[in-house]
Amino acid sequence: MNLTELLTESRTLCHADIGSKKRALELAGDTLAGQPGAPAADQIFSGLLNRERLGSTGIGDGVAIPHCRLADCHQAMALLMTLATPIDFDAIDNRPVDLLCVLLVPEDGAEEHLQTLAGLAELFSQSEVREQLRACEQSPQLFETMQNLASAQRT
């Protein structure tokens, strides 16, 4: 599934002011919990935190893609977040993270989950994509920029 289908403007946060990985995952849980088909905030937070305990989802270049599959998640959804200040995320390159794309997928969506993760990793591996997202000043601009970049990747 393409990011354009998973992301909404209400799930796009620009310059979030948080200071830790745990707080980033809490904010993701709180934000996603209010969406149709989403589990409760504590379930999302626990799922993301448990996945991080298996190994960091920090993929390098200041990017993390926290993700999990949850039984009470009824549809795949994403949250895009830029941070006001980069945070330690135990990323593979040991660089702090300021760009997060959180992915929730229904428990039975293993194949969809892997395909979506691969597409996100490919998208965020492009320096021009990261630069354009980091240049955004407000959430609507961040959402529109990401929609355009993700659409261009499909073509």
Protein backbone atom coordinates (compact mmCIF):
# COMPACT_ATOMS: atom_id res chain seq x y z
CA MET A 1 0.00 0.00 0.00
CA ASN A 2 1.31 3.45 -0.90
CA LEU A 3 1.82 6.13 1.73
CA THR A 4 -0.67 8.43 -0.05
CA GLU A 5 -3.40 5.97 0.95
CA LEU A 6 -2.25 5.69 4.58
CA LEU A 7 -1.58 9.29 5.52
CA THR A 8 -4.06 12.07 6.26
CA GLU A 9 -3.50 15.70 7.19
CA SER A 10 -4.67 14.95 10.75
CA ARG A 11 -1.87 12.36 10.97
CA THR A 12 0.84 14.82 9.96
CA LEU A 13 2.76 16.70 12.66
CA CYS A 14 5.35 19.33 11.80
CA HIS A 15 8.03 20.40 14.29
CA ALA A 16 6.71 18.34 17.22
CA ASP A 17 8.49 19.48 20.37
CA ILE A 18 9.47 16.26 22.11
CA GLY A 19 12.68 15.19 23.78
CA SER A 20 12.84 11.39 23.69
CA LYS A 21 12.08 8.26 21.73
CA LYS A 22 9.51 7.22 24.34
CA ARG A 23 7.71 10.55 24.09
CA ALA A 24 7.70 10.31 20.27
CA LEU A 25 6.02 6.90 20.48
CA GLU A 26 3.52 8.21 23.06
CA LEU A 27 2.63 11.14 20.81
CA ALA A 28 2.21 8.75 17.89
CA GLY A 29 -0.12 6.56 19.96
CA ASP A 30 -2.15 9.55 21.17
CA THR A 31 -2.49 10.96 17.66
CA LEU A 32 -3.35 7.70 15.91
CA ALA A 33 -5.79 6.52 18.60
CA GLY A 34 -8.34 9.13 17.59
CA GLN A 35 -8.52 7.83 14.02
CA PRO A 36 -11.24 5.52 12.63
CA GLY A 37 -10.19 1.88 12.82
CA ALA A 38 -7.36 2.54 15.28
CA PRO A 39 -6.76 0.79 18.60
CA ALA A 40 -6.46 2.63 21.92
CA ALA A 41 -3.45 4.89 22.51
CA ASP A 42 -1.92 2.56 25.12
CA GLN A 43 -2.13 -0.41 22.74
CA ILE A 44 -0.41 1.56 19.98
CA PHE A 45 2.29 2.81 22.33
CA SER A 46 2.89 -0.70 23.71
CA GLY A 47 3.04 -2.21 20.22
CA LEU A 48 5.52 0.39 18.99
CA LEU A 49 7.64 0.16 22.15
CA ASN A 50 7.73 -3.66 22.00
CA ARG A 51 8.85 -3.46 18.37
CA GLU A 52 11.63 -1.01 19.32
CA ARG A 53 12.84 -3.46 21.97
CA LEU A 54 13.49 -5.97 19.19
CA GLY A 55 15.75 -3.45 17.48
CA SER A 56 15.63 0.22 16.62
CA THR A 57 13.56 1.31 13.66
CA GLY A 58 15.99 4.19 13.11
CA ILE A 59 17.09 3.53 9.52
CA GLY A 60 19.76 6.23 9.33
CA ASP A 61 20.09 9.76 7.94
CA GLY A 62 17.87 11.10 10.74
CA VAL A 63 14.91 8.88 9.82
CA ALA A 64 12.96 6.33 11.86
CA ILE A 65 10.04 4.17 10.76
CA PRO A 66 8.43 2.86 13.97
CA HIS A 67 5.91 0.19 13.06
CA CYS A 68 3.84 -2.68 14.42
CA ARG A 69 0.96 -4.99 13.66
CA LEU A 70 -1.93 -4.88 16.12
CA ALA A 71 -4.98 -7.10 16.57
CA ASP A 72 -7.34 -4.16 17.22
CA CYS A 73 -6.10 -2.20 14.22
CA HIS A 74 -8.78 -2.46 11.53
CA GLN A 75 -7.01 -0.62 8.73
CA ALA A 76 -3.43 0.28 7.88
CA MET A 77 -2.49 3.86 8.71
CA ALA A 78 0.55 6.08 8.93
CA LEU A 79 1.64 9.15 10.86
CA LEU A 80 4.35 11.48 9.58
CA MET A 81 6.18 13.61 12.12
CA THR A 82 9.08 16.04 11.96
CA LEU A 83 10.72 17.04 15.22
CA ALA A 84 11.74 20.52 16.34
CA THR A 85 14.93 19.03 17.78
CA PRO A 86 16.49 15.68 16.74
CA ILE A 87 16.37 12.93 19.37
CA ASP A 88 18.41 9.82 20.09
CA PHE A 89 16.65 6.84 18.52
CA ASP A 90 19.43 4.23 18.62
CA ALA A 91 19.52 4.49 14.83
CA ILE A 92 21.71 2.19 12.77
CA ASP A 93 24.10 5.08 11.99
CA ASN A 94 23.97 6.48 15.57
CA ARG A 95 22.66 9.82 14.26
CA PRO A 96 19.74 11.52 16.02
CA VAL A 97 16.32 11.34 14.36
CA ASP A 98 14.11 14.25 13.35
CA LEU A 99 11.90 12.58 10.75
CA LEU A 100 9.53 9.77 11.74
CA CYS A 101 6.98 7.83 9.76
CA VAL A 102 4.91 5.59 12.05
CA LEU A 103 3.08 2.65 10.49
CA LEU A 104 0.25 0.60 12.00
CA VAL A 105 -1.06 -2.46 10.23
CA PRO A 106 -3.75 -5.02 11.17
CA GLU A 107 -2.31 -8.16 12.74
CA ASP A 108 -3.15 -10.28 9.69
CA GLY A 109 -1.52 -7.80 7.28
CA ALA A 110 2.02 -9.21 7.29
CA GLU A 111 2.60 -9.06 3.53
CA GLU A 112 1.12 -5.58 3.22
CA HIS A 113 3.23 -4.50 6.19
CA LEU A 114 6.49 -5.67 4.63
CA GLN A 115 5.73 -4.14 1.22
CA THR A 116 4.79 -0.81 2.77
CA LEU A 117 7.93 -0.77 4.94
CA ALA A 118 10.09 -1.47 1.90
CA GLY A 119 8.46 1.40 -0.01
CA LEU A 120 8.94 3.78 2.92
CA ALA A 121 12.58 2.80 3.33
CA GLU A 122 13.15 3.40 -0.38
CA LEU A 123 11.40 6.79 -0.26
CA PHE A 124 13.31 7.99 2.81
CA SER A 125 16.63 6.79 1.41
CA GLN A 126 16.51 9.71 -1.05
CA SER A 127 18.27 12.81 0.29
CA GLU A 128 16.06 15.17 -1.72
CA VAL A 129 12.94 13.65 -0.10
CA ARG A 130 14.36 14.13 3.39
CA GLU A 131 15.44 17.70 2.59
CA GLN A 132 12.02 18.68 1.23
CA LEU A 133 10.22 17.25 4.27
CA ARG A 134 12.60 18.95 6.70
CA ALA A 135 12.06 22.28 4.92
CA CYS A 136 8.33 22.26 5.72
CA GLU A 137 7.20 24.79 8.32
CA GLN A 138 3.62 23.69 9.02
CA SER A 139 1.67 20.43 9.11
CA PRO A 140 -0.51 21.13 6.01
CA GLN A 141 2.63 21.88 3.99
CA LEU A 142 4.29 18.71 5.32
CA PHE A 143 1.24 16.64 4.36
CA GLU A 144 1.05 18.11 0.85
CA THR A 145 4.79 17.70 0.28
CA MET A 146 4.69 14.07 1.39
CA GLN A 147 1.66 13.33 -0.80
CA ASN A 148 3.47 14.78 -3.81
CA LEU A 149 6.70 12.90 -3.08
CA ALA A 150 4.93 9.59 -2.46
CA SER A 151 2.83 10.00 -5.62
CA ALA A 152 5.93 10.73 -7.67
CA GLN A 153 7.57 7.57 -6.33
CA ARG A 154 4.68 5.45 -7.67
CA THR A 155 5.03 6.72 -11.22
